[in-house]
Every structure is written in C-alpha cells, then in structure tokens.
Amino acid sequence: MEINGKTVEAMIDTGQPNPLVLPIETFEEYETGDFEGCLKSTGLMEKWPNTKVDFNYLARVKRVRMGGSSFPNFLCLFGDLPRVLSMPLVGSDFLSQIIVVINFPGDEMLMIPHDDFDLKDNLFSIGVNLDVSDKGEIVVAGIWEKSPAEKAGIKVGDRIVSINSKKAGLENLLEFQDVLRDDTIKTMSLELISDEKEKSLILEKALLF
C-alpha cells in the first residue's frame, strides 16, 4: 500500500475496527501537510497488549492507495502496537466494504471496492472511549480533543452510571461501545461521577474534523 505516495508493507487485522492503524512511533515521520486534520487524545482511544503510550492520534491522511484504488482523506489512528504488529494494520471499517481476492501463485492480493463503497472520511462522535476499571466499573478511558465530551468537561477516569437511561455494567459495555459508534444515534444522555460528584449531560454527536 501507499501512504501519501510512500510504499509501506501492511497487515490485515479483522479484529480491530479502524480503517487503518499506524504505529505511533512513525507519527513524527509525517509533516503537517500530510494531513487534512489531526487530533490527539487524552487517555487511550485504542490499546493493545503492553501499550505504554497513554494517548493516540487520529489523522485524515491526504491519500492512501491500496491495489488499484486511491482514497483521499483516509482516517488513520496512531497507536502503540505490539512489536509483532508494528506495521500499518488495515481494519474492518475498510475491509467490510471491499472484496479481497488472493492470487497465491502470483503472490498478490487484490482489493476491489463494493459498488456502494462509502468510506468515512470523518468521525461523527461525542469523542469518548469506554473501558473497565480495576474495580469492574465502566469508566472513561480516553477523550478526543475538541470533541463534545471534552467541551462538556468529561475527564479520563470519570465513572459511567448510565447511558441513554440504561444502567452501566460489564454486561452492556459492548452495547455502549456500539451506541458510541452508531451514526444513526445523534444524541446521548449520560449520567456519570466526576470528582465524586454526580453529573447529568446530554451530548450531541458532532463531526470531529
């Protein structure tokens, strides 16, 4: 694949949702002009085993080419990847919209976009990531800068009491994560505990770039 004209080796990773994850140690290799916007998180939006860096970047890379197709404003997350995965990872948000053909004798892989291919070039979100604390509570693990969540004063470590009137618990963490990613859900009500004080918020999702 090519990122802004530079050829790199990449790995398919169906287990992660982002269109493309890049090793965070390569972030300094890029210049401002390589991106159509870039955000930094407080806390982690995505983590892997042995992640040590406590933040991520989200960037709209100007152009990514895979096979014979070229994609502008490609959303890329920079993360602290394990050594064995320390190369660009092509994820399910992209893979779900293409047909992958492996030509084993020819040592090549073809990626053919579906007719209704529509890859997001922006993120419609309140800008938070949820995780489980050591005490088994649902907590805010990361926040994108300039997001509705940051503007509302939500902080990393805040404990989630409920989302959209549904009480928070380990059994519905995945459901909450789906709600956060669902573009058809535009408004979210949150009850949380921040600095030992209860807060009730209604947040409108917004485009982050």
N, C-alpha and C. Protein backbone atom coordinates (compact mmCIF):
# COMPACT_ATOMS: atom_id res chain seq x y z
N MET A 1 0.84 -1.19 0.00
CA MET A 1 0.00 0.00 0.00
C MET A 1 0.88 1.24 0.00
N GLU A 2 0.28 2.38 -0.37
CA GLU A 2 1.00 3.66 -0.36
C GLU A 2 0.28 4.64 0.56
N ILE A 3 1.05 5.35 1.35
CA ILE A 3 0.51 6.42 2.19
C ILE A 3 1.18 7.71 1.74
N ASN A 4 0.39 8.62 1.17
CA ASN A 4 0.92 9.87 0.62
C ASN A 4 2.10 9.61 -0.32
N GLY A 5 1.97 8.58 -1.15
CA GLY A 5 2.98 8.27 -2.15
C GLY A 5 4.13 7.40 -1.68
N LYS A 6 4.20 7.10 -0.37
CA LYS A 6 5.27 6.27 0.18
C LYS A 6 4.79 4.84 0.31
N THR A 7 5.52 3.89 -0.27
CA THR A 7 5.15 2.49 -0.22
C THR A 7 5.52 1.88 1.12
N VAL A 8 4.55 1.20 1.75
CA VAL A 8 4.79 0.54 3.03
C VAL A 8 4.13 -0.84 3.00
N GLU A 9 4.66 -1.76 3.79
CA GLU A 9 4.02 -3.05 3.97
C GLU A 9 2.95 -2.92 5.05
N ALA A 10 1.84 -3.63 4.86
CA ALA A 10 0.74 -3.56 5.83
C ALA A 10 0.21 -4.96 6.11
N MET A 11 -0.57 -5.06 7.17
CA MET A 11 -1.15 -6.33 7.59
C MET A 11 -2.66 -6.17 7.74
N ILE A 12 -3.42 -7.16 7.29
CA ILE A 12 -4.86 -7.17 7.51
C ILE A 12 -5.14 -7.61 8.94
N ASP A 13 -5.98 -6.83 9.64
CA ASP A 13 -6.33 -7.15 11.02
C ASP A 13 -7.84 -7.01 11.17
N THR A 14 -8.56 -8.12 10.97
CA THR A 14 -10.01 -8.08 11.03
C THR A 14 -10.53 -7.86 12.44
N GLY A 15 -9.67 -7.96 13.44
CA GLY A 15 -10.11 -7.83 14.82
C GLY A 15 -10.17 -6.41 15.34
N GLN A 16 -9.71 -5.44 14.55
CA GLN A 16 -9.79 -4.05 15.00
C GLN A 16 -10.64 -3.26 14.01
N PRO A 17 -11.46 -2.32 14.53
CA PRO A 17 -12.47 -1.68 13.70
C PRO A 17 -11.96 -0.55 12.81
N ASN A 18 -10.88 0.12 13.19
CA ASN A 18 -10.47 1.32 12.47
C ASN A 18 -10.07 0.99 11.03
N PRO A 19 -10.29 1.93 10.09
CA PRO A 19 -9.88 1.68 8.71
C PRO A 19 -8.39 1.38 8.59
N LEU A 20 -7.58 2.13 9.34
CA LEU A 20 -6.13 1.95 9.26
C LEU A 20 -5.49 2.40 10.57
N VAL A 21 -4.66 1.54 11.14
CA VAL A 21 -3.91 1.89 12.35
C VAL A 21 -2.43 1.94 11.98
N LEU A 22 -1.76 3.01 12.39
CA LEU A 22 -0.34 3.18 12.12
C LEU A 22 0.43 3.16 13.43
N PRO A 23 1.64 2.60 13.44
CA PRO A 23 2.45 2.60 14.66
C PRO A 23 2.72 4.03 15.12
N ILE A 24 2.49 4.29 16.40
CA ILE A 24 2.59 5.66 16.89
C ILE A 24 4.01 6.20 16.79
N GLU A 25 5.02 5.31 16.78
CA GLU A 25 6.39 5.78 16.67
C GLU A 25 6.70 6.36 15.29
N THR A 26 5.81 6.11 14.31
CA THR A 26 6.02 6.67 12.97
C THR A 26 5.38 8.05 12.81
N PHE A 27 4.66 8.52 13.83
CA PHE A 27 3.93 9.79 13.70
C PHE A 27 4.87 10.94 13.37
N GLU A 28 6.06 10.96 13.97
CA GLU A 28 6.99 12.07 13.76
C GLU A 28 7.57 12.07 12.34
N GLU A 29 7.36 10.98 11.59
CA GLU A 29 7.85 10.94 10.22
C GLU A 29 6.97 11.76 9.27
N TYR A 30 5.78 12.11 9.74
CA TYR A 30 4.84 12.86 8.90
C TYR A 30 4.99 14.36 9.17
N GLU A 31 4.61 15.15 8.17
CA GLU A 31 4.59 16.60 8.30
C GLU A 31 3.15 17.08 8.32
N THR A 32 2.97 18.30 8.76
CA THR A 32 1.62 18.86 8.86
C THR A 32 0.88 18.76 7.53
N GLY A 33 1.60 18.97 6.45
CA GLY A 33 0.99 18.94 5.13
C GLY A 33 0.53 17.57 4.68
N ASP A 34 0.91 16.52 5.41
CA ASP A 34 0.48 15.16 5.06
C ASP A 34 -0.95 14.88 5.52
N PHE A 35 -1.49 15.74 6.38
CA PHE A 35 -2.79 15.50 6.98
C PHE A 35 -3.79 16.59 6.59
N GLU A 36 -5.05 16.18 6.47
CA GLU A 36 -6.16 17.13 6.39
C GLU A 36 -6.83 17.15 7.76
N GLY A 37 -6.04 17.46 8.77
CA GLY A 37 -6.54 17.50 10.14
C GLY A 37 -5.96 16.39 10.99
N CYS A 38 -5.69 16.71 12.27
CA CYS A 38 -5.13 15.73 13.19
C CYS A 38 -5.59 16.05 14.61
N LEU A 39 -5.97 15.02 15.36
CA LEU A 39 -6.42 15.17 16.74
C LEU A 39 -5.56 14.31 17.65
N LYS A 40 -5.41 14.75 18.90
CA LYS A 40 -4.72 13.97 19.91
C LYS A 40 -5.71 13.66 21.03
N SER A 41 -5.58 12.51 21.62
CA SER A 41 -6.47 12.13 22.71
C SER A 41 -5.81 12.35 24.06
N THR A 42 -6.64 12.58 25.06
CA THR A 42 -6.23 12.45 26.45
C THR A 42 -6.66 11.06 26.89
N GLY A 43 -5.71 10.25 27.33
CA GLY A 43 -6.03 8.85 27.59
C GLY A 43 -6.07 8.07 26.30
N LEU A 44 -6.46 6.81 26.39
CA LEU A 44 -6.40 5.91 25.24
C LEU A 44 -7.76 5.71 24.59
N MET A 45 -7.79 5.87 23.28
CA MET A 45 -8.96 5.54 22.50
C MET A 45 -8.91 4.09 22.01
N GLU A 46 -7.69 3.59 21.84
CA GLU A 46 -7.47 2.19 21.47
C GLU A 46 -6.18 1.73 22.16
N LYS A 47 -6.18 0.48 22.64
CA LYS A 47 -4.96 -0.03 23.25
C LYS A 47 -4.75 -1.48 22.82
N TRP A 48 -3.52 -1.91 22.94
CA TRP A 48 -3.12 -3.26 22.61
C TRP A 48 -2.33 -3.81 23.79
N PRO A 49 -2.06 -5.13 23.81
CA PRO A 49 -1.25 -5.68 24.91
C PRO A 49 0.08 -4.96 25.04
N ASN A 50 0.42 -4.60 26.27
CA ASN A 50 1.68 -3.92 26.61
C ASN A 50 1.76 -2.49 26.07
N THR A 51 0.60 -1.90 25.77
CA THR A 51 0.60 -0.48 25.37
C THR A 51 1.18 0.36 26.50
N LYS A 52 2.16 1.19 26.16
CA LYS A 52 2.80 2.05 27.17
C LYS A 52 2.48 3.53 26.95
N VAL A 53 2.30 3.95 25.71
CA VAL A 53 1.96 5.34 25.42
C VAL A 53 0.50 5.57 25.79
N ASP A 54 0.21 6.63 26.55
CA ASP A 54 -1.14 6.81 27.09
C ASP A 54 -1.97 7.80 26.28
N PHE A 55 -1.79 7.84 24.97
CA PHE A 55 -2.61 8.68 24.10
C PHE A 55 -2.56 8.11 22.69
N ASN A 56 -3.47 8.60 21.85
CA ASN A 56 -3.48 8.26 20.42
C ASN A 56 -3.58 9.53 19.60
N TYR A 57 -3.30 9.39 18.32
CA TYR A 57 -3.59 10.44 17.34
C TYR A 57 -4.63 9.89 16.37
N LEU A 58 -5.48 10.77 15.86
CA LEU A 58 -6.38 10.45 14.77
C LEU A 58 -6.14 11.48 13.67
N ALA A 59 -5.80 11.00 12.48
CA ALA A 59 -5.46 11.92 11.40
C ALA A 59 -6.20 11.54 10.13
N ARG A 60 -6.49 12.55 9.32
CA ARG A 60 -7.02 12.32 7.98
C ARG A 60 -5.83 12.42 7.02
N VAL A 61 -5.28 11.27 6.66
CA VAL A 61 -4.14 11.24 5.74
C VAL A 61 -4.64 11.64 4.35
N LYS A 62 -3.88 12.49 3.67
CA LYS A 62 -4.36 13.07 2.41
C LYS A 62 -4.70 12.01 1.36
N ARG A 63 -3.85 10.97 1.24
CA ARG A 63 -4.16 9.95 0.23
C ARG A 63 -3.54 8.61 0.60
N VAL A 64 -4.37 7.57 0.53
CA VAL A 64 -3.92 6.20 0.72
C VAL A 64 -4.29 5.41 -0.52
N ARG A 65 -3.35 4.62 -1.01
CA ARG A 65 -3.60 3.78 -2.18
C ARG A 65 -3.42 2.32 -1.80
N MET A 66 -4.43 1.52 -2.14
CA MET A 66 -4.34 0.08 -1.96
C MET A 66 -4.73 -0.58 -3.27
N GLY A 67 -3.84 -1.41 -3.81
CA GLY A 67 -4.12 -2.02 -5.10
C GLY A 67 -4.27 -0.95 -6.16
N GLY A 68 -5.34 -1.00 -6.92
CA GLY A 68 -5.55 -0.01 -7.97
C GLY A 68 -6.43 1.14 -7.55
N SER A 69 -6.80 1.20 -6.27
CA SER A 69 -7.73 2.23 -5.80
C SER A 69 -7.01 3.24 -4.90
N SER A 70 -7.42 4.50 -5.04
CA SER A 70 -6.85 5.58 -4.25
C SER A 70 -7.94 6.23 -3.42
N PHE A 71 -7.64 6.52 -2.15
CA PHE A 71 -8.65 7.02 -1.22
C PHE A 71 -8.16 8.32 -0.57
N PRO A 72 -8.89 9.44 -0.76
CA PRO A 72 -8.49 10.70 -0.12
C PRO A 72 -9.01 10.79 1.31
N ASN A 73 -8.34 11.62 2.11
CA ASN A 73 -8.79 11.90 3.49
C ASN A 73 -9.08 10.62 4.26
N PHE A 74 -8.11 9.72 4.27
CA PHE A 74 -8.26 8.40 4.88
C PHE A 74 -8.03 8.51 6.38
N LEU A 75 -9.02 8.07 7.17
CA LEU A 75 -8.92 8.15 8.63
C LEU A 75 -7.92 7.12 9.15
N CYS A 76 -6.91 7.59 9.85
CA CYS A 76 -5.87 6.71 10.40
C CYS A 76 -5.70 6.99 11.89
N LEU A 77 -5.68 5.93 12.68
CA LEU A 77 -5.41 6.05 14.10
C LEU A 77 -3.97 5.62 14.35
N PHE A 78 -3.24 6.41 15.13
CA PHE A 78 -1.88 6.06 15.52
C PHE A 78 -1.93 5.45 16.91
N GLY A 79 -1.39 4.21 17.05
CA GLY A 79 -1.43 3.53 18.33
C GLY A 79 -0.11 2.86 18.66
N ASP A 80 0.06 2.57 19.94
CA ASP A 80 1.27 1.90 20.43
C ASP A 80 1.08 0.40 20.28
N LEU A 81 1.51 -0.14 19.15
CA LEU A 81 1.24 -1.52 18.79
C LEU A 81 2.30 -2.46 19.35
N PRO A 82 1.92 -3.73 19.60
CA PRO A 82 2.93 -4.72 19.99
C PRO A 82 3.96 -4.88 18.88
N ARG A 83 5.15 -5.30 19.24
CA ARG A 83 6.23 -5.43 18.28
C ARG A 83 5.84 -6.30 17.09
N VAL A 84 5.13 -7.40 17.34
CA VAL A 84 4.76 -8.32 16.27
C VAL A 84 3.78 -7.70 15.29
N LEU A 85 3.06 -6.65 15.71
CA LEU A 85 2.08 -5.98 14.85
C LEU A 85 2.53 -4.59 14.43
N SER A 86 3.80 -4.28 14.62
CA SER A 86 4.26 -2.90 14.44
C SER A 86 4.45 -2.55 12.97
N MET A 87 3.32 -2.54 12.27
CA MET A 87 3.26 -2.07 10.88
C MET A 87 1.83 -1.60 10.66
N PRO A 88 1.53 -0.88 9.58
CA PRO A 88 0.15 -0.46 9.35
C PRO A 88 -0.81 -1.64 9.36
N LEU A 89 -1.95 -1.46 10.07
CA LEU A 89 -2.97 -2.50 10.17
C LEU A 89 -4.23 -2.03 9.46
N VAL A 90 -4.68 -2.79 8.47
CA VAL A 90 -5.91 -2.47 7.75
C VAL A 90 -7.06 -3.16 8.46
N GLY A 91 -8.04 -2.36 8.95
CA GLY A 91 -9.07 -2.90 9.82
C GLY A 91 -10.43 -3.07 9.18
N SER A 92 -11.39 -3.51 9.99
CA SER A 92 -12.69 -3.95 9.49
C SER A 92 -13.55 -2.83 8.91
N ASP A 93 -13.40 -1.58 9.38
CA ASP A 93 -14.19 -0.49 8.80
C ASP A 93 -13.92 -0.35 7.31
N PHE A 94 -12.69 -0.64 6.90
CA PHE A 94 -12.34 -0.62 5.48
C PHE A 94 -12.63 -1.96 4.82
N LEU A 95 -12.22 -3.05 5.47
CA LEU A 95 -12.34 -4.38 4.86
C LEU A 95 -13.79 -4.77 4.59
N SER A 96 -14.71 -4.29 5.43
CA SER A 96 -16.12 -4.66 5.26
C SER A 96 -16.72 -4.08 3.99
N GLN A 97 -16.02 -3.16 3.34
CA GLN A 97 -16.55 -2.50 2.14
C GLN A 97 -15.83 -2.92 0.86
N ILE A 98 -14.99 -3.94 0.95
CA ILE A 98 -14.26 -4.37 -0.24
C ILE A 98 -14.30 -5.89 -0.38
N ILE A 99 -13.99 -6.35 -1.58
CA ILE A 99 -13.79 -7.77 -1.84
C ILE A 99 -12.29 -8.00 -1.91
N VAL A 100 -11.81 -8.95 -1.11
CA VAL A 100 -10.39 -9.28 -1.10
C VAL A 100 -10.18 -10.55 -1.91
N VAL A 101 -9.33 -10.47 -2.92
CA VAL A 101 -9.02 -11.63 -3.76
C VAL A 101 -7.53 -11.92 -3.61
N ILE A 102 -7.21 -13.14 -3.18
CA ILE A 102 -5.81 -13.54 -3.01
C ILE A 102 -5.38 -14.39 -4.20
N ASN A 103 -4.41 -13.88 -4.95
CA ASN A 103 -3.82 -14.61 -6.07
C ASN A 103 -2.53 -15.22 -5.56
N PHE A 104 -2.65 -16.42 -4.99
CA PHE A 104 -1.49 -17.04 -4.35
C PHE A 104 -0.35 -17.32 -5.32
N PRO A 105 -0.61 -17.92 -6.50
CA PRO A 105 0.51 -18.17 -7.43
C PRO A 105 1.20 -16.87 -7.87
N GLY A 106 0.42 -15.80 -7.98
CA GLY A 106 1.01 -14.54 -8.42
C GLY A 106 1.56 -13.70 -7.29
N ASP A 107 1.44 -14.22 -6.06
CA ASP A 107 1.94 -13.51 -4.88
C ASP A 107 1.39 -12.09 -4.81
N GLU A 108 0.06 -11.98 -4.96
CA GLU A 108 -0.55 -10.66 -4.88
C GLU A 108 -1.95 -10.78 -4.26
N MET A 109 -2.43 -9.65 -3.75
CA MET A 109 -3.75 -9.57 -3.16
C MET A 109 -4.47 -8.38 -3.78
N LEU A 110 -5.67 -8.63 -4.28
CA LEU A 110 -6.45 -7.57 -4.91
C LEU A 110 -7.54 -7.11 -3.95
N MET A 111 -7.76 -5.80 -3.89
CA MET A 111 -8.82 -5.22 -3.07
C MET A 111 -9.76 -4.46 -3.98
N ILE A 112 -10.99 -4.96 -4.11
CA ILE A 112 -11.96 -4.39 -5.04
C ILE A 112 -13.11 -3.78 -4.25
N PRO A 113 -13.30 -2.45 -4.30
CA PRO A 113 -14.40 -1.83 -3.54
C PRO A 113 -15.76 -2.29 -4.03
N HIS A 114 -16.70 -2.48 -3.10
CA HIS A 114 -18.08 -2.75 -3.47
C HIS A 114 -18.65 -1.56 -4.24
N ASP A 115 -19.74 -1.82 -4.99
CA ASP A 115 -20.36 -0.75 -5.78
C ASP A 115 -20.85 0.39 -4.89
N ASP A 116 -21.29 0.06 -3.67
CA ASP A 116 -21.81 1.09 -2.76
C ASP A 116 -20.74 1.52 -1.74
N PHE A 117 -19.49 1.38 -2.11
CA PHE A 117 -18.38 1.74 -1.22
C PHE A 117 -18.54 3.19 -0.74
N ASP A 118 -18.48 3.37 0.58
CA ASP A 118 -18.63 4.71 1.16
C ASP A 118 -17.82 4.77 2.45
N LEU A 119 -16.54 4.99 2.32
CA LEU A 119 -15.65 5.01 3.48
C LEU A 119 -15.72 6.36 4.18
N LYS A 120 -15.89 6.34 5.49
CA LYS A 120 -15.95 7.59 6.26
C LYS A 120 -14.64 8.35 6.16
N ASP A 121 -14.73 9.64 5.95
CA ASP A 121 -13.53 10.48 5.99
C ASP A 121 -13.58 11.44 7.18
N ASN A 122 -14.51 11.16 8.09
CA ASN A 122 -14.63 11.96 9.31
C ASN A 122 -15.22 11.06 10.39
N LEU A 123 -15.20 11.54 11.62
CA LEU A 123 -15.73 10.76 12.73
C LEU A 123 -16.86 11.53 13.37
N PHE A 124 -18.07 10.93 13.39
CA PHE A 124 -19.25 11.52 13.98
C PHE A 124 -19.40 10.92 15.37
N SER A 125 -19.11 11.71 16.40
CA SER A 125 -18.91 11.10 17.72
C SER A 125 -19.05 12.15 18.82
N ILE A 126 -19.26 11.64 20.06
CA ILE A 126 -19.12 12.55 21.20
C ILE A 126 -17.66 12.59 21.65
N GLY A 127 -16.85 11.63 21.16
CA GLY A 127 -15.41 11.70 21.38
C GLY A 127 -14.89 11.00 22.63
N VAL A 128 -15.54 9.93 23.07
CA VAL A 128 -15.04 9.21 24.24
C VAL A 128 -14.82 7.73 23.92
N ASN A 129 -13.94 7.13 24.70
CA ASN A 129 -13.75 5.69 24.69
C ASN A 129 -14.03 5.18 26.10
N LEU A 130 -14.74 4.06 26.19
CA LEU A 130 -15.07 3.48 27.49
C LEU A 130 -14.29 2.20 27.71
N ASP A 131 -14.00 1.92 28.98
CA ASP A 131 -13.29 0.69 29.33
C ASP A 131 -13.71 0.29 30.73
N VAL A 132 -13.13 -0.78 31.21
CA VAL A 132 -13.44 -1.30 32.54
C VAL A 132 -12.29 -0.98 33.48
N SER A 133 -12.61 -0.44 34.65
CA SER A 133 -11.58 -0.12 35.64
C SER A 133 -11.17 -1.38 36.40
N ASP A 134 -10.13 -1.24 37.21
CA ASP A 134 -9.69 -2.36 38.05
C ASP A 134 -10.77 -2.80 39.03
N LYS A 135 -11.70 -1.89 39.31
CA LYS A 135 -12.80 -2.21 40.23
C LYS A 135 -14.02 -2.77 39.51
N GLY A 136 -13.90 -2.96 38.20
CA GLY A 136 -15.02 -3.50 37.44
C GLY A 136 -16.07 -2.49 37.05
N GLU A 137 -15.73 -1.19 37.11
CA GLU A 137 -16.68 -0.14 36.74
C GLU A 137 -16.42 0.31 35.30
N ILE A 138 -17.48 0.80 34.64
CA ILE A 138 -17.33 1.37 33.31
C ILE A 138 -16.84 2.81 33.48
N VAL A 139 -15.70 3.11 32.88
CA VAL A 139 -15.10 4.42 33.05
C VAL A 139 -14.71 5.01 31.70
N VAL A 140 -14.50 6.31 31.69
CA VAL A 140 -13.98 6.99 30.50
C VAL A 140 -12.48 6.72 30.42
N ALA A 141 -12.06 6.08 29.34
CA ALA A 141 -10.64 5.73 29.18
C ALA A 141 -9.90 6.72 28.31
N GLY A 142 -10.63 7.42 27.43
CA GLY A 142 -9.98 8.37 26.53
C GLY A 142 -10.98 9.37 25.99
N ILE A 143 -10.46 10.54 25.60
CA ILE A 143 -11.29 11.64 25.07
C ILE A 143 -10.53 12.31 23.94
N TRP A 144 -11.19 12.50 22.80
CA TRP A 144 -10.57 13.26 21.71
C TRP A 144 -10.63 14.75 22.01
N GLU A 145 -9.54 15.45 21.70
CA GLU A 145 -9.53 16.89 21.90
C GLU A 145 -10.57 17.55 20.99
N LYS A 146 -11.12 18.65 21.47
CA LYS A 146 -12.11 19.47 20.75
C LYS A 146 -13.43 18.74 20.52
N SER A 147 -13.61 17.58 21.14
CA SER A 147 -14.85 16.81 20.95
C SER A 147 -15.95 17.34 21.86
N PRO A 148 -17.22 16.96 21.61
CA PRO A 148 -18.30 17.34 22.53
C PRO A 148 -18.02 16.92 23.96
N ALA A 149 -17.41 15.75 24.16
CA ALA A 149 -17.12 15.28 25.52
C ALA A 149 -16.12 16.19 26.22
N GLU A 150 -15.05 16.57 25.51
CA GLU A 150 -14.07 17.45 26.13
C GLU A 150 -14.68 18.82 26.45
N LYS A 151 -15.48 19.33 25.52
CA LYS A 151 -16.11 20.64 25.73
C LYS A 151 -17.09 20.61 26.89
N ALA A 152 -17.67 19.41 27.17
CA ALA A 152 -18.62 19.28 28.28
C ALA A 152 -17.93 19.06 29.62
N GLY A 153 -16.60 18.95 29.59
CA GLY A 153 -15.85 18.79 30.84
C GLY A 153 -15.68 17.36 31.31
N ILE A 154 -16.00 16.39 30.47
CA ILE A 154 -15.78 14.99 30.84
C ILE A 154 -14.28 14.73 30.91
N LYS A 155 -13.86 13.90 31.88
CA LYS A 155 -12.44 13.64 32.09
C LYS A 155 -12.16 12.14 32.12
N VAL A 156 -10.93 11.81 31.78
CA VAL A 156 -10.50 10.42 31.88
C VAL A 156 -10.63 9.97 33.33
N GLY A 157 -11.21 8.80 33.54
CA GLY A 157 -11.43 8.27 34.89
C GLY A 157 -12.83 8.49 35.41
N ASP A 158 -13.60 9.38 34.76
CA ASP A 158 -15.00 9.56 35.18
C ASP A 158 -15.74 8.22 35.09
N ARG A 159 -16.56 7.94 36.10
CA ARG A 159 -17.29 6.68 36.16
C ARG A 159 -18.67 6.84 35.51
N ILE A 160 -19.02 5.94 34.62
CA ILE A 160 -20.31 6.00 33.94
C ILE A 160 -21.37 5.31 34.79
N VAL A 161 -22.45 6.03 35.08
CA VAL A 161 -23.58 5.47 35.83
C VAL A 161 -24.62 4.90 34.86
N SER A 162 -24.93 5.67 33.81
CA SER A 162 -25.88 5.19 32.81
C SER A 162 -25.66 5.93 31.50
N ILE A 163 -26.08 5.30 30.41
CA ILE A 163 -26.09 5.92 29.09
C ILE A 163 -27.47 5.69 28.49
N ASN A 164 -28.08 6.78 28.06
CA ASN A 164 -29.44 6.73 27.49
C ASN A 164 -30.39 5.96 28.43
N SER A 165 -30.26 6.30 29.71
CA SER A 165 -31.13 5.76 30.78
C SER A 165 -30.89 4.29 31.08
N LYS A 166 -29.87 3.69 30.50
CA LYS A 166 -29.56 2.29 30.78
C LYS A 166 -28.39 2.22 31.74
N LYS A 167 -28.59 1.53 32.86
CA LYS A 167 -27.57 1.47 33.90
C LYS A 167 -26.31 0.78 33.38
N ALA A 168 -25.16 1.36 33.72
CA ALA A 168 -23.88 0.83 33.25
C ALA A 168 -23.46 -0.39 34.03
N GLY A 169 -22.97 -1.38 33.30
CA GLY A 169 -22.43 -2.60 33.91
C GLY A 169 -21.59 -3.33 32.90
N LEU A 170 -20.81 -4.29 33.37
CA LEU A 170 -19.94 -5.04 32.48
C LEU A 170 -20.73 -5.69 31.34
N GLU A 171 -21.96 -6.09 31.63
CA GLU A 171 -22.74 -6.82 30.65
C GLU A 171 -23.15 -5.96 29.46
N ASN A 172 -23.13 -4.63 29.59
CA ASN A 172 -23.54 -3.80 28.46
C ASN A 172 -22.43 -2.88 27.95
N LEU A 173 -21.18 -3.16 28.28
CA LEU A 173 -20.07 -2.34 27.76
C LEU A 173 -20.05 -2.39 26.23
N LEU A 174 -20.16 -3.57 25.65
CA LEU A 174 -20.11 -3.68 24.19
C LEU A 174 -21.29 -2.96 23.56
N GLU A 175 -22.45 -3.03 24.20
CA GLU A 175 -23.63 -2.31 23.69
C GLU A 175 -23.38 -0.81 23.70
N PHE A 176 -22.79 -0.30 24.78
CA PHE A 176 -22.48 1.13 24.86
C PHE A 176 -21.48 1.54 23.77
N GLN A 177 -20.49 0.69 23.54
CA GLN A 177 -19.50 1.00 22.51
C GLN A 177 -20.15 1.04 21.13
N ASP A 178 -21.11 0.16 20.91
CA ASP A 178 -21.85 0.19 19.63
C ASP A 178 -22.64 1.48 19.49
N VAL A 179 -23.26 1.93 20.58
CA VAL A 179 -24.02 3.19 20.57
C VAL A 179 -23.10 4.36 20.24
N LEU A 180 -21.91 4.35 20.81
CA LEU A 180 -20.96 5.43 20.54
C LEU A 180 -20.58 5.49 19.07
N ARG A 181 -20.53 4.31 18.40
CA ARG A 181 -20.09 4.24 17.01
C ARG A 181 -21.24 4.33 16.01
N ASP A 182 -22.47 4.28 16.48
CA ASP A 182 -23.63 4.25 15.59
C ASP A 182 -23.99 5.67 15.14
N ASP A 183 -23.78 5.95 13.86
CA ASP A 183 -24.02 7.30 13.34
C ASP A 183 -25.50 7.66 13.30
N THR A 184 -26.38 6.68 13.38
CA THR A 184 -27.81 6.99 13.36
C THR A 184 -28.29 7.51 14.72
N ILE A 185 -27.50 7.29 15.76
CA ILE A 185 -27.82 7.81 17.10
C ILE A 185 -27.09 9.14 17.26
N LYS A 186 -27.82 10.22 17.29
CA LYS A 186 -27.22 11.55 17.23
C LYS A 186 -27.10 12.22 18.60
N THR A 187 -27.91 11.80 19.57
CA THR A 187 -27.92 12.42 20.89
C THR A 187 -27.73 11.33 21.95
N MET A 188 -26.91 11.64 22.95
CA MET A 188 -26.67 10.69 24.03
C MET A 188 -26.83 11.38 25.38
N SER A 189 -27.55 10.72 26.28
CA SER A 189 -27.65 11.22 27.65
C SER A 189 -26.74 10.37 28.53
N LEU A 190 -25.95 11.04 29.36
CA LEU A 190 -25.00 10.36 30.23
C LEU A 190 -25.20 10.79 31.66
N GLU A 191 -25.13 9.84 32.57
CA GLU A 191 -25.01 10.12 33.99
C GLU A 191 -23.66 9.56 34.42
N LEU A 192 -22.87 10.38 35.07
CA LEU A 192 -21.54 9.94 35.46
C LEU A 192 -21.13 10.56 36.78
N ILE A 193 -20.05 10.03 37.32
CA ILE A 193 -19.49 10.57 38.56
C ILE A 193 -18.10 11.10 38.25
N SER A 194 -17.93 12.39 38.47
CA SER A 194 -16.66 13.05 38.21
C SER A 194 -16.24 13.81 39.46
N ASP A 195 -15.02 13.55 39.91
CA ASP A 195 -14.55 14.19 41.15
C ASP A 195 -15.55 13.96 42.29
N GLU A 196 -16.08 12.73 42.33
CA GLU A 196 -17.04 12.29 43.36
C GLU A 196 -18.35 13.07 43.33
N LYS A 197 -18.62 13.76 42.23
CA LYS A 197 -19.89 14.46 42.09
C LYS A 197 -20.66 13.87 40.92
N GLU A 198 -21.98 13.71 41.08
CA GLU A 198 -22.81 13.19 40.00
C GLU A 198 -23.11 14.29 38.99
N LYS A 199 -23.04 13.91 37.71
CA LYS A 199 -23.33 14.86 36.64
C LYS A 199 -24.27 14.20 35.65
N SER A 200 -25.21 14.98 35.13
CA SER A 200 -26.10 14.52 34.07
C SER A 200 -25.86 15.40 32.85
N LEU A 201 -25.59 14.77 31.71
CA LEU A 201 -25.27 15.51 30.50
C LEU A 201 -26.07 14.98 29.32
N ILE A 202 -26.42 15.86 28.42
CA ILE A 202 -26.97 15.47 27.13
C ILE A 202 -26.01 16.00 26.07
N LEU A 203 -25.42 15.10 25.30
CA LEU A 203 -24.42 15.48 24.31
C LEU A 203 -24.90 15.17 22.91
N GLU A 204 -24.66 16.11 22.00
CA GLU A 204 -24.94 15.90 20.59
C GLU A 204 -23.66 15.44 19.91
N LYS A 205 -23.75 14.33 19.18
CA LYS A 205 -22.59 13.91 18.40
C LYS A 205 -22.25 14.97 17.36
N ALA A 206 -20.98 15.05 17.00
CA ALA A 206 -20.53 16.05 16.03
C ALA A 206 -19.40 15.46 15.21
N LEU A 207 -19.17 16.02 14.04
CA LEU A 207 -18.01 15.65 13.24
C LEU A 207 -16.77 16.23 13.92
N LEU A 208 -15.76 15.41 14.10
CA LEU A 208 -14.59 15.84 14.87
C LEU A 208 -13.60 16.65 14.05
N PHE A 209 -13.70 16.59 12.72
CA PHE A 209 -12.82 17.40 11.88
C PHE A 209 -13.62 18.46 11.15
